[in-house]
Amino acid sequence: MKTIKYLFTLSALLLATFVSYSQNKIVEDTILVEGVCGMCKSRIEEAAFGKGVKFAEWTNETSKLALVYRSDKTSMEEIEARILAAGHSTENSKAAKEDYETLPDCCRYEELHKH
């Protein structure tokens, strides 16, 4: 009888853990982010990473930033705000001039688009 109670209690704890974990929503999303080089890639990915972000990979050829994050820990708006603060514009917002001007000359994507 003790074994049955023990197994029942263990099963209940495991079920409770599984249910609480499954409520933590994992989100996969992409966003377009302006950049031009490997230094931009590092900066964009570093800015995207934060609390709740499990994966961030920016591709120069497509300008897409692929993300996997926990929506109970962060939001796309929070991630995007960090990217903007790093000086990189997104499909939704333009980086502030003072943030953009902190970028190295080789990363100034706006000047490259003018030519």
C-alpha atoms as a PDB file:
ATOM      1  CA  MET A   1       0.000   0.000   0.000  1.00  0.00           C
ATOM      2  CA  LYS A   2       2.875   2.411   0.777  1.00  0.00           C
ATOM      3  CA  THR A   3       4.291   1.753  -2.685  1.00  0.00           C
ATOM      4  CA  ILE A   4       0.982   2.624  -4.329  1.00  0.00           C
ATOM      5  CA  LYS A   5       0.717   5.875  -2.331  1.00  0.00           C
ATOM      6  CA  TYR A   6       4.314   6.718  -3.207  1.00  0.00           C
ATOM      7  CA  LEU A   7       3.733   6.073  -6.925  1.00  0.00           C
ATOM      8  CA  PHE A   8       0.489   8.057  -6.862  1.00  0.00           C
ATOM      9  CA  THR A   9       2.184  11.011  -5.163  1.00  0.00           C
ATOM     10  CA  LEU A  10       5.132  10.862  -7.572  1.00  0.00           C
ATOM     11  CA  SER A  11       2.761  10.696 -10.559  1.00  0.00           C
ATOM     12  CA  ALA A  12       0.787  13.682  -9.265  1.00  0.00           C
ATOM     13  CA  LEU A  13       3.965  15.739  -8.817  1.00  0.00           C
ATOM     14  CA  LEU A  14       5.203  14.871 -12.301  1.00  0.00           C
ATOM     15  CA  LEU A  15       1.836  15.748 -13.807  1.00  0.00           C
ATOM     16  CA  ALA A  16       1.742  19.083 -11.971  1.00  0.00           C
ATOM     17  CA  THR A  17       5.259  19.885 -13.199  1.00  0.00           C
ATOM     18  CA  PHE A  18       4.364  18.970 -16.776  1.00  0.00           C
ATOM     19  CA  VAL A  19       1.155  21.042 -16.719  1.00  0.00           C
ATOM     20  CA  SER A  20       2.910  24.121 -15.325  1.00  0.00           C
ATOM     21  CA  TYR A  21       5.756  23.800 -17.850  1.00  0.00           C
ATOM     22  CA  SER A  22       3.384  23.336 -20.803  1.00  0.00           C
ATOM     23  CA  GLN A  23       1.707  26.642 -19.904  1.00  0.00           C
ATOM     24  CA  ASN A  24       4.991  28.427 -20.690  1.00  0.00           C
ATOM     25  CA  LYS A  25       4.358  29.217 -24.321  1.00  0.00           C
ATOM     26  CA  ILE A  26       7.292  28.814 -26.689  1.00  0.00           C
ATOM     27  CA  VAL A  27       7.042  31.213 -29.641  1.00  0.00           C
ATOM     28  CA  GLU A  28       8.907  30.967 -32.948  1.00  0.00           C
ATOM     29  CA  ASP A  29       8.933  34.200 -34.946  1.00  0.00           C
ATOM     30  CA  THR A  30      10.960  36.239 -37.424  1.00  0.00           C
ATOM     31  CA  ILE A  31      11.497  39.956 -37.857  1.00  0.00           C
ATOM     32  CA  LEU A  32      13.390  41.948 -40.471  1.00  0.00           C
ATOM     33  CA  VAL A  33      16.379  43.831 -39.055  1.00  0.00           C
ATOM     34  CA  GLU A  34      18.678  46.212 -40.972  1.00  0.00           C
ATOM     35  CA  GLY A  35      22.365  45.326 -41.007  1.00  0.00           C
ATOM     36  CA  VAL A  36      25.247  44.708 -43.407  1.00  0.00           C
ATOM     37  CA  CYS A  37      28.028  42.538 -42.003  1.00  0.00           C
ATOM     38  CA  GLY A  38      29.300  40.024 -39.495  1.00  0.00           C
ATOM     39  CA  MET A  39      29.713  42.703 -36.846  1.00  0.00           C
ATOM     40  CA  CYS A  40      26.052  43.618 -37.337  1.00  0.00           C
ATOM     41  CA  LYS A  41      25.101  39.945 -37.012  1.00  0.00           C
ATOM     42  CA  SER A  42      26.877  39.674 -33.665  1.00  0.00           C
ATOM     43  CA  ARG A  43      25.376  42.922 -32.377  1.00  0.00           C
ATOM     44  CA  ILE A  44      21.822  42.086 -33.501  1.00  0.00           C
ATOM     45  CA  GLU A  45      21.913  38.581 -32.047  1.00  0.00           C
ATOM     46  CA  GLU A  46      23.459  39.811 -28.780  1.00  0.00           C
ATOM     47  CA  ALA A  47      20.800  42.526 -28.480  1.00  0.00           C
ATOM     48  CA  ALA A  48      18.008  40.034 -29.179  1.00  0.00           C
ATOM     49  CA  PHE A  49      19.164  37.655 -26.470  1.00  0.00           C
ATOM     50  CA  GLY A  50      17.732  38.459 -23.103  1.00  0.00           C
ATOM     51  CA  LYS A  51      15.445  36.974 -20.516  1.00  0.00           C
ATOM     52  CA  GLY A  52      13.302  34.282 -22.116  1.00  0.00           C
ATOM     53  CA  VAL A  53      15.059  34.190 -25.513  1.00  0.00           C
ATOM     54  CA  LYS A  54      16.216  30.680 -26.363  1.00  0.00           C
ATOM     55  CA  PHE A  55      17.450  31.215 -29.934  1.00  0.00           C
ATOM     56  CA  ALA A  56      18.317  34.215 -32.103  1.00  0.00           C
ATOM     57  CA  GLU A  57      19.960  34.028 -35.526  1.00  0.00           C
ATOM     58  CA  TRP A  58      20.226  36.890 -38.020  1.00  0.00           C
ATOM     59  CA  THR A  59      20.963  36.238 -41.700  1.00  0.00           C
ATOM     60  CA  ASN A  60      22.573  39.043 -43.706  1.00  0.00           C
ATOM     61  CA  GLU A  61      21.284  37.842 -47.086  1.00  0.00           C
ATOM     62  CA  THR A  62      17.629  38.011 -46.013  1.00  0.00           C
ATOM     63  CA  SER A  63      17.874  40.509 -43.122  1.00  0.00           C
ATOM     64  CA  LYS A  64      15.702  38.093 -41.139  1.00  0.00           C
ATOM     65  CA  LEU A  65      16.179  37.491 -37.442  1.00  0.00           C
ATOM     66  CA  ALA A  66      14.780  34.089 -36.444  1.00  0.00           C
ATOM     67  CA  LEU A  67      13.727  33.896 -32.808  1.00  0.00           C
ATOM     68  CA  VAL A  68      12.527  31.348 -30.304  1.00  0.00           C
ATOM     69  CA  TYR A  69      11.407  32.776 -26.982  1.00  0.00           C
ATOM     70  CA  ARG A  70       9.130  32.151 -24.030  1.00  0.00           C
ATOM     71  CA  SER A  71       6.157  34.498 -24.129  1.00  0.00           C
ATOM     72  CA  ASP A  72       5.775  34.271 -20.354  1.00  0.00           C
ATOM     73  CA  LYS A  73       9.280  35.766 -19.938  1.00  0.00           C
ATOM     74  CA  THR A  74       9.515  38.330 -22.770  1.00  0.00           C
ATOM     75  CA  SER A  75       7.684  39.709 -25.803  1.00  0.00           C
ATOM     76  CA  MET A  76       8.541  40.598 -29.375  1.00  0.00           C
ATOM     77  CA  GLU A  77       8.198  44.256 -28.368  1.00  0.00           C
ATOM     78  CA  GLU A  78      10.858  43.884 -25.654  1.00  0.00           C
ATOM     79  CA  ILE A  79      13.209  42.062 -28.022  1.00  0.00           C
ATOM     80  CA  GLU A  80      12.673  44.677 -30.724  1.00  0.00           C
ATOM     81  CA  ALA A  81      13.334  47.503 -28.235  1.00  0.00           C
ATOM     82  CA  ARG A  82      16.757  46.009 -27.417  1.00  0.00           C
ATOM     83  CA  ILE A  83      17.596  45.748 -31.132  1.00  0.00           C
ATOM     84  CA  LEU A  84      16.556  49.362 -31.737  1.00  0.00           C
ATOM     85  CA  ALA A  85      18.653  50.495 -28.761  1.00  0.00           C
ATOM     86  CA  ALA A  86      21.633  48.709 -30.362  1.00  0.00           C
ATOM     87  CA  GLY A  87      21.195  50.965 -33.419  1.00  0.00           C
ATOM     88  CA  HIS A  88      19.464  48.608 -35.843  1.00  0.00           C
ATOM     89  CA  SER A  89      16.118  49.456 -37.427  1.00  0.00           C
ATOM     90  CA  THR A  90      13.450  46.780 -37.790  1.00  0.00           C
ATOM     91  CA  GLU A  91      10.540  46.295 -40.140  1.00  0.00           C
ATOM     92  CA  ASN A  92       8.332  48.007 -37.547  1.00  0.00           C
ATOM     93  CA  SER A  93      10.485  50.867 -36.248  1.00  0.00           C
ATOM     94  CA  LYS A  94      13.469  53.002 -37.119  1.00  0.00           C
ATOM     95  CA  ALA A  95      16.358  53.123 -34.649  1.00  0.00           C
ATOM     96  CA  ALA A  96      16.824  56.473 -32.923  1.00  0.00           C
ATOM     97  CA  LYS A  97      19.426  58.649 -34.630  1.00  0.00           C
ATOM     98  CA  GLU A  98      21.652  58.718 -31.520  1.00  0.00           C
ATOM     99  CA  ASP A  99      21.593  54.899 -31.311  1.00  0.00           C
ATOM    100  CA  TYR A 100      22.270  54.503 -35.046  1.00  0.00           C
ATOM    101  CA  GLU A 101      25.233  56.893 -34.826  1.00  0.00           C
ATOM    102  CA  THR A 102      26.937  54.644 -32.256  1.00  0.00           C
ATOM    103  CA  LEU A 103      27.407  51.995 -34.959  1.00  0.00           C
ATOM    104  CA  PRO A 104      30.860  51.616 -36.534  1.00  0.00           C
ATOM    105  CA  ASP A 105      31.132  53.205 -39.994  1.00  0.00           C
ATOM    106  CA  CYS A 106      31.116  49.807 -41.744  1.00  0.00           C
ATOM    107  CA  CYS A 107      27.757  48.983 -40.108  1.00  0.00           C
ATOM    108  CA  ARG A 108      25.931  52.145 -41.159  1.00  0.00           C
ATOM    109  CA  TYR A 109      23.315  50.470 -43.333  1.00  0.00           C
ATOM    110  CA  GLU A 110      21.453  53.718 -44.125  1.00  0.00           C
ATOM    111  CA  GLU A 111      24.484  55.216 -45.874  1.00  0.00           C
ATOM    112  CA  LEU A 112      24.980  52.024 -47.880  1.00  0.00           C
ATOM    113  CA  HIS A 113      21.380  52.151 -49.164  1.00  0.00           C
ATOM    114  CA  LYS A 114      21.874  55.691 -50.476  1.00  0.00           C
ATOM    115  CA  HIS A 115      24.390  54.615 -53.129  1.00  0.00           C
END
